[in-house]
C-alpha cells in the first residue's frame, strides 16, 4: 500500500506492538517476532548495538584490520569495531575494542554519529567514533580468543587505491574511510 507524502504529514505514529516473541537467542543477538496492530508481523534481529573507530596515527595513517568473516566466507579489511556489552557505554566500548583489536590507544576521542546498519532486519545501531594520534600500548588488553586479526596502517592514497580495487567490501569501513577523507588536514 502506497501513500503520497506531504509536508503537512510530518507526524508519523509508531505502530502499537501487541506481542513480542523471541525465536532464537545467542550470545550477541536475538531473533524476534513482533506482532503489531492490524496483525502486521515483523521478524528481525534485536542487537545491542556496536561501535566503529576511525583511528589514525600521529602521521594520519588509518588503522585497518583484516579478519575472517564467516558469513561472507572471506578475509575482509575493516576499521576496528565491536559489539556493545550489556550496559556498556559506547565510548568505553570503542576504547576497549581499539585496544583489543589493534594494540593501540588514544587520548583524542570524538563521537561522530549513530548509523542504523540494516533497519529492514536488524535493530543494530553503530556508533561512529574518531580516535586521533593513536599509539601502541605496552600491554594491550587481550581480545576475543577466537579472533585472528592482522593490523595495517594506510595513507589516504593507499586507502583510495584499496577502495578503487574494491578490496574494501565492508560498508562501515567504506563509510569510515569516506568520513576520514573528508577531513581537512
Protein backbone atom coordinates (compact mmCIF):
# COMPACT_ATOMS: atom_id res chain seq x y z
CA UNK A 1 0.00 0.00 0.00
CA UNK A 2 1.47 3.35 -1.05
CA UNK A 3 0.65 6.86 0.15
CA UNK A 4 1.76 10.22 -1.14
CA UNK A 5 3.82 12.22 1.30
CA UNK A 6 3.15 15.85 2.00
CA UNK A 7 5.00 18.23 4.33
CA UNK A 8 1.81 18.57 6.37
CA UNK A 9 2.13 14.89 7.37
CA UNK A 10 5.27 15.12 9.49
CA UNK A 11 3.79 13.31 12.49
CA UNK A 12 4.12 9.56 11.89
CA UNK A 13 2.93 7.37 14.74
CA UNK A 14 4.78 4.23 15.77
CA UNK A 15 2.64 1.09 15.28
CA UNK A 16 1.42 -0.39 18.57
CA UNK A 17 3.21 -3.61 19.49
CA UNK A 18 0.75 -6.34 20.53
CA UNK A 19 3.10 -9.28 21.08
CA UNK A 20 6.86 -9.95 21.18
CA UNK A 21 8.27 -13.45 20.82
CA UNK A 22 11.97 -14.46 20.96
CA UNK A 23 12.56 -17.12 18.30
CA UNK A 24 16.31 -17.54 18.87
CA UNK A 25 18.75 -16.17 21.43
CA UNK A 26 22.53 -16.15 21.01
CA UNK A 27 25.42 -14.60 22.91
CA UNK A 28 25.23 -11.38 20.87
CA UNK A 29 21.69 -11.03 19.47
CA UNK A 30 18.12 -12.36 19.46
CA UNK A 31 15.83 -13.15 16.57
CA UNK A 32 12.48 -11.60 17.49
CA UNK A 33 8.98 -11.75 16.04
CA UNK A 34 6.87 -8.70 16.81
CA UNK A 35 3.16 -8.55 16.09
CA UNK A 36 1.71 -5.07 15.68
CA UNK A 37 -1.83 -3.72 15.41
CA UNK A 38 -3.75 -4.89 12.36
CA UNK A 39 -1.85 -8.24 12.58
CA UNK A 40 1.32 -6.91 10.94
CA UNK A 41 4.30 -9.12 11.82
CA UNK A 42 7.99 -8.35 11.61
CA UNK A 43 10.85 -10.73 12.27
CA UNK A 44 14.19 -9.07 12.95
CA UNK A 45 17.48 -9.28 14.78
CA UNK A 46 17.47 -7.47 18.13
CA UNK A 47 21.09 -6.36 18.57
CA UNK A 48 22.68 -4.44 21.49
CA UNK A 49 24.48 -2.07 19.14
CA UNK A 50 28.11 -1.63 18.20
CA UNK A 51 30.93 0.85 17.81
CA UNK A 52 33.25 1.66 14.92
CA UNK A 53 36.53 3.53 15.27
CA UNK A 54 38.17 5.69 12.61
CA UNK A 55 41.62 5.55 14.20
CA UNK A 56 44.67 7.35 12.83
CA UNK A 57 48.28 7.56 13.91
CA UNK A 58 50.21 10.78 14.56
CA UNK A 59 51.18 10.86 10.87
CA UNK A 60 47.48 10.48 9.89
CA UNK A 61 47.63 6.85 8.76
CA UNK A 62 44.41 4.89 9.20
CA UNK A 63 44.41 1.63 11.14
CA UNK A 64 42.80 -1.23 9.24
CA UNK A 65 42.36 -4.76 10.46
CA UNK A 66 41.92 -7.91 8.43
CA UNK A 67 39.87 -10.74 9.83
CA UNK A 68 37.93 -13.74 8.58
CA UNK A 69 34.18 -13.12 8.31
CA UNK A 70 32.36 -16.46 8.21
CA UNK A 71 29.00 -15.14 6.89
CA UNK A 72 30.66 -13.97 3.64
CA UNK A 73 33.42 -16.61 3.68
CA UNK A 74 36.21 -14.07 3.20
CA UNK A 75 39.00 -12.21 4.95
CA UNK A 76 37.91 -8.55 4.98
CA UNK A 77 39.72 -5.27 5.57
CA UNK A 78 37.81 -3.26 8.17
CA UNK A 79 38.22 -0.43 10.61
CA UNK A 80 38.19 -1.60 14.25
CA UNK A 81 34.71 -2.29 15.61
CA UNK A 82 32.83 -4.36 18.12
CA UNK A 83 29.53 -5.08 19.81
CA UNK A 84 28.42 -3.30 22.94
CA UNK A 85 28.29 -5.44 26.06
CA UNK A 86 25.24 -5.24 28.31
CA UNK A 87 25.06 -1.78 29.92
CA UNK A 88 28.34 -0.65 28.33
CA UNK A 89 28.78 2.97 27.27
CA UNK A 90 29.70 3.35 23.58
CA UNK A 91 32.87 5.38 24.27
CA UNK A 92 34.21 2.79 26.72
CA UNK A 93 33.40 0.05 24.20
CA UNK A 94 35.23 1.95 21.44
CA UNK A 95 38.32 2.41 23.63
CA UNK A 96 38.26 -1.27 24.63
CA UNK A 97 37.77 -2.54 21.08
CA UNK A 98 40.53 -0.35 19.65
CA UNK A 99 43.00 -1.72 22.15
CA UNK A 100 41.83 -5.35 21.87
CA UNK A 101 41.80 -5.42 18.08
CA UNK A 102 44.87 -3.32 17.27
CA UNK A 103 47.02 -2.92 20.38
CA UNK A 104 46.64 0.87 20.03
CA UNK A 105 45.03 3.53 22.25
CA UNK A 106 44.21 7.22 22.00
CA UNK A 107 43.60 10.21 24.27
CA UNK A 108 41.79 12.12 21.50
CA UNK A 109 38.26 10.80 21.03
CA UNK A 110 35.27 12.33 19.27
CA UNK A 111 31.77 10.92 18.84
CA UNK A 112 30.66 11.34 15.23
CA UNK A 113 27.18 9.87 14.62
CA UNK A 114 24.90 6.85 15.02
CA UNK A 115 24.01 4.73 12.00
CA UNK A 116 21.26 2.13 11.53
CA UNK A 117 23.14 -0.76 9.96
CA UNK A 118 20.32 -2.64 8.25
CA UNK A 119 16.98 -1.36 9.61
CA UNK A 120 14.99 -3.73 7.41
CA UNK A 121 16.06 -6.72 9.50
CA UNK A 122 18.18 -5.52 12.45
CA UNK A 123 17.86 -3.09 15.37
CA UNK A 124 21.64 -2.61 15.44
CA UNK A 125 22.82 0.97 15.78
CA UNK A 126 26.52 1.52 15.12
CA UNK A 127 28.16 4.44 16.93
CA UNK A 128 30.96 6.00 14.87
CA UNK A 129 33.95 7.40 16.77
CA UNK A 130 37.07 9.25 15.67
CA UNK A 131 40.34 8.49 17.50
CA UNK A 132 43.38 10.59 16.58
CA UNK A 133 47.07 10.20 17.39
CA UNK A 134 46.74 6.52 18.28
CA UNK A 135 49.87 4.80 19.52
CA UNK A 136 50.80 1.26 20.55
CA UNK A 137 50.02 0.18 24.10
CA UNK A 138 52.80 -1.58 26.04
CA UNK A 139 50.47 -4.30 27.35
CA UNK A 140 47.24 -4.26 25.37
CA UNK A 141 44.07 -5.93 26.61
CA UNK A 142 43.52 -9.40 25.24
CA UNK A 143 40.88 -9.66 22.54
CA UNK A 144 38.46 -12.48 21.87
CA UNK A 145 40.23 -15.84 21.88
CA UNK A 146 38.61 -16.94 18.63
CA UNK A 147 39.65 -13.84 16.64
CA UNK A 148 42.70 -13.80 14.39
CA UNK A 149 43.38 -10.19 13.39
CA UNK A 150 46.05 -8.56 11.22
CA UNK A 151 46.71 -4.80 11.60
CA UNK A 152 47.81 -2.43 8.83
CA UNK A 153 48.38 1.34 8.63
CA UNK A 154 47.39 3.05 5.37
CA UNK A 155 47.67 6.55 3.98
CA UNK A 156 44.73 8.29 2.32
CA UNK A 157 46.23 7.44 -1.07
CA UNK A 158 46.57 3.74 -0.17
CA UNK A 159 43.02 3.68 1.21
CA UNK A 160 41.70 5.24 -2.00
CA UNK A 161 43.56 2.64 -4.06
CA UNK A 162 42.05 -0.15 -1.92
CA UNK A 163 38.59 1.34 -2.49
CA UNK A 164 39.23 1.64 -6.25
CA UNK A 165 40.33 -2.02 -6.40
CA UNK A 166 37.24 -2.97 -4.37
CA UNK A 167 39.42 -4.55 -1.69
CA UNK A 168 37.22 -2.97 0.97
CA UNK A 169 33.77 -4.55 0.89
CA UNK A 170 32.65 -3.77 4.44
CA UNK A 171 30.04 -0.97 4.48
CA UNK A 172 31.01 0.57 7.84
CA UNK A 173 34.64 0.69 6.73
CA UNK A 174 33.81 2.40 3.45
CA UNK A 175 31.73 4.97 5.36
CA UNK A 176 34.56 5.46 7.87
CA UNK A 177 37.13 5.95 5.13
CA UNK A 178 34.92 8.48 3.34
CA UNK A 179 34.48 10.39 6.63
CA UNK A 180 38.27 10.37 7.17
CA UNK A 181 38.93 11.54 3.61
CA UNK A 182 36.55 14.50 4.07
CA UNK A 183 38.62 15.82 6.98
CA UNK A 184 40.80 18.83 6.40
CA UNK A 185 44.43 18.12 7.23
